[in-house]
């Protein structure tokens, strides 16, 4: 069974297994699920719910892709964009655990995230990736991404920007 949904308190073991599968020197994507920020699993769930309220930043929803009872990846879906997200962050941040890469899950997470945005009325979606992340660029292109002008960060690294018509 495959589900794309919010975490519940019953998902703690699946989440811990997922987080522990990431390499310690690798940036956790999306950053909204970085467990090091929280003291407890319940605090993570509360923080994700607060982010969805939109009270301290742009309203955003974090959903996890479960295959059977295991988490294989996650998507952080921003309902609107501020100036920084328009330049380099986009509407959707997504990632898959190391053991689940190359199996189509990232493509599925992005497709399901686009469906979520379509359901809330977002018909033009910005998705970004680092210039050297060729796998992510392919995922975006598979989901209809058309490349726009890149954004150059202060450290001269480039962020590739893609627009997806989401009608």
Foldseek 3Di string as FASTA:
>chain_A
DKDKAADDPVLVVQLVVQQVLADPPDQDWPNLSVCVVDDDPVVSSVVQVVLCVCPPHFHWHKIFIDDPSHTFKIKIAGLDDDPVCVQANWGIIMDGGPVNPPVCVRLVRVLVSLVVNVVVPDFKTKHKDWPPPVVVVVSCVVQAWDWDDWHADPVRTTMIITIHGRD
